[in-house]
C-alpha atoms as a PDB file:
ATOM      1  CA  UNK A   1      37.503  13.135 -10.148  1.00  0.00           C
ATOM      2  CA  UNK A   2      33.762  13.788  -9.951  1.00  0.00           C
ATOM      3  CA  UNK A   3      31.286  11.741 -11.929  1.00  0.00           C
ATOM      4  CA  UNK A   4      27.610  10.885 -11.838  1.00  0.00           C
ATOM      5  CA  UNK A   5      26.699   7.280 -11.168  1.00  0.00           C
ATOM      6  CA  UNK A   6      23.208   6.163 -12.236  1.00  0.00           C
ATOM      7  CA  UNK A   7      21.370   4.330  -9.450  1.00  0.00           C
ATOM      8  CA  UNK A   8      17.925   2.731  -9.486  1.00  0.00           C
ATOM      9  CA  UNK A   9      15.489   4.531  -7.195  1.00  0.00           C
ATOM     10  CA  UNK A  10      13.786   1.472  -5.713  1.00  0.00           C
ATOM     11  CA  UNK A  11      10.994   3.440  -4.013  1.00  0.00           C
ATOM     12  CA  UNK A  12      10.219   5.423  -7.165  1.00  0.00           C
ATOM     13  CA  UNK A  13      10.283   2.260  -9.262  1.00  0.00           C
ATOM     14  CA  UNK A  14       7.907   0.584  -6.816  1.00  0.00           C
ATOM     15  CA  UNK A  15       5.535   3.538  -7.023  1.00  0.00           C
ATOM     16  CA  UNK A  16       5.615   3.282 -10.827  1.00  0.00           C
ATOM     17  CA  UNK A  17       4.754  -0.421 -10.694  1.00  0.00           C
ATOM     18  CA  UNK A  18       1.819   0.325  -8.389  1.00  0.00           C
ATOM     19  CA  UNK A  19       0.633   3.246 -10.530  1.00  0.00           C
ATOM     20  CA  UNK A  20       0.883   1.294 -13.792  1.00  0.00           C
ATOM     21  CA  UNK A  21      -0.854  -1.746 -12.294  1.00  0.00           C
ATOM     22  CA  UNK A  22      -3.737   0.383 -11.078  1.00  0.00           C
ATOM     23  CA  UNK A  23      -3.944   2.307 -14.381  1.00  0.00           C
ATOM     24  CA  UNK A  24      -4.412  -1.052 -16.114  1.00  0.00           C
ATOM     25  CA  UNK A  25      -7.177  -1.965 -13.655  1.00  0.00           C
ATOM     26  CA  UNK A  26      -5.170  -4.900 -12.343  1.00  0.00           C
ATOM     27  CA  UNK A  27      -4.899  -6.287  -8.833  1.00  0.00           C
ATOM     28  CA  UNK A  28      -1.833  -7.724  -7.160  1.00  0.00           C
ATOM     29  CA  UNK A  29      -3.549 -11.110  -7.530  1.00  0.00           C
ATOM     30  CA  UNK A  30      -3.768 -10.525 -11.317  1.00  0.00           C
ATOM     31  CA  UNK A  31       0.004  -9.960 -11.475  1.00  0.00           C
ATOM     32  CA  UNK A  32       0.608 -12.946  -9.232  1.00  0.00           C
ATOM     33  CA  UNK A  33      -1.323 -15.105 -11.696  1.00  0.00           C
ATOM     34  CA  UNK A  34       0.525 -13.682 -14.724  1.00  0.00           C
ATOM     35  CA  UNK A  35       3.880 -14.527 -13.152  1.00  0.00           C
ATOM     36  CA  UNK A  36       2.701 -17.839 -11.733  1.00  0.00           C
ATOM     37  CA  UNK A  37       3.894 -16.907  -8.255  1.00  0.00           C
ATOM     38  CA  UNK A  38       2.595 -19.057  -5.389  1.00  0.00           C
ATOM     39  CA  UNK A  39       2.301 -15.952  -3.179  1.00  0.00           C
ATOM     40  CA  UNK A  40       2.097 -12.203  -3.892  1.00  0.00           C
ATOM     41  CA  UNK A  41       5.095 -11.372  -1.670  1.00  0.00           C
ATOM     42  CA  UNK A  42       7.491 -10.547  -4.547  1.00  0.00           C
ATOM     43  CA  UNK A  43       5.001  -8.100  -6.055  1.00  0.00           C
ATOM     44  CA  UNK A  44       4.464  -6.375  -2.705  1.00  0.00           C
ATOM     45  CA  UNK A  45       8.257  -6.114  -2.288  1.00  0.00           C
ATOM     46  CA  UNK A  46       8.513  -4.502  -5.747  1.00  0.00           C
ATOM     47  CA  UNK A  47       5.721  -2.056  -4.974  1.00  0.00           C
ATOM     48  CA  UNK A  48       7.226  -1.060  -1.609  1.00  0.00           C
ATOM     49  CA  UNK A  49      10.724  -0.628  -3.049  1.00  0.00           C
ATOM     50  CA  UNK A  50      12.174  -3.484  -0.986  1.00  0.00           C
ATOM     51  CA  UNK A  51      13.224  -5.376  -4.137  1.00  0.00           C
ATOM     52  CA  UNK A  52      13.562  -4.813  -7.870  1.00  0.00           C
ATOM     53  CA  UNK A  53      12.083  -7.162 -10.472  1.00  0.00           C
ATOM     54  CA  UNK A  54      14.625  -9.215 -12.422  1.00  0.00           C
ATOM     55  CA  UNK A  55      15.214  -8.288 -16.063  1.00  0.00           C
ATOM     56  CA  UNK A  56      12.942 -11.075 -17.313  1.00  0.00           C
ATOM     57  CA  UNK A  57      10.194  -9.947 -14.927  1.00  0.00           C
ATOM     58  CA  UNK A  58      10.637  -6.335 -16.079  1.00  0.00           C
ATOM     59  CA  UNK A  59      10.086  -7.503 -19.654  1.00  0.00           C
ATOM     60  CA  UNK A  60       6.831  -9.199 -18.613  1.00  0.00           C
ATOM     61  CA  UNK A  61       5.731  -6.108 -16.668  1.00  0.00           C
ATOM     62  CA  UNK A  62       6.434  -3.817 -19.631  1.00  0.00           C
ATOM     63  CA  UNK A  63       4.457  -6.075 -21.968  1.00  0.00           C
ATOM     64  CA  UNK A  64       1.610  -6.400 -19.460  1.00  0.00           C
ATOM     65  CA  UNK A  65       1.391  -2.644 -18.871  1.00  0.00           C
ATOM     66  CA  UNK A  66       2.080  -1.709 -22.510  1.00  0.00           C
ATOM     67  CA  UNK A  67       5.018   0.547 -21.613  1.00  0.00           C
ATOM     68  CA  UNK A  68       8.791   0.577 -22.073  1.00  0.00           C
ATOM     69  CA  UNK A  69      11.016  -0.724 -19.286  1.00  0.00           C
ATOM     70  CA  UNK A  70      12.338   2.848 -19.005  1.00  0.00           C
ATOM     71  CA  UNK A  71       8.799   3.885 -18.021  1.00  0.00           C
ATOM     72  CA  UNK A  72       8.915   1.471 -15.062  1.00  0.00           C
ATOM     73  CA  UNK A  73      12.420   2.016 -13.703  1.00  0.00           C
ATOM     74  CA  UNK A  74      13.270   5.318 -12.020  1.00  0.00           C
ATOM     75  CA  UNK A  75      16.964   6.207 -12.299  1.00  0.00           C
ATOM     76  CA  UNK A  76      18.656   8.921 -10.311  1.00  0.00           C
ATOM     77  CA  UNK A  77      22.194  10.182 -10.706  1.00  0.00           C
ATOM     78  CA  UNK A  78      24.394  10.266  -7.649  1.00  0.00           C
ATOM     79  CA  UNK A  79      27.649  12.129  -7.532  1.00  0.00           C
ATOM     80  CA  UNK A  80      30.642   9.940  -6.813  1.00  0.00           C
ATOM     81  CA  UNK A  81      33.895  11.495  -5.632  1.00  0.00           C
ATOM     82  CA  UNK A  82      37.107   9.529  -5.859  1.00  0.00           C
END
């Protein structure tokens, strides 16, 4: 049976986070301060597609950027064969 499985494109999502941050005129340091992170490492990981923000962090990002979560996350469909 063939079916499409939605998967998060981590690289595409990271590019969206970078693009939206820059469109808002924000720096990584600005986001670090909003989240209260001690270091910017998590934000760099998001932007490079090495990690995905948690749901609660996605909610903060969407509010900060003034977009829907769907505008941040890139989903691709992969074909699964069983």
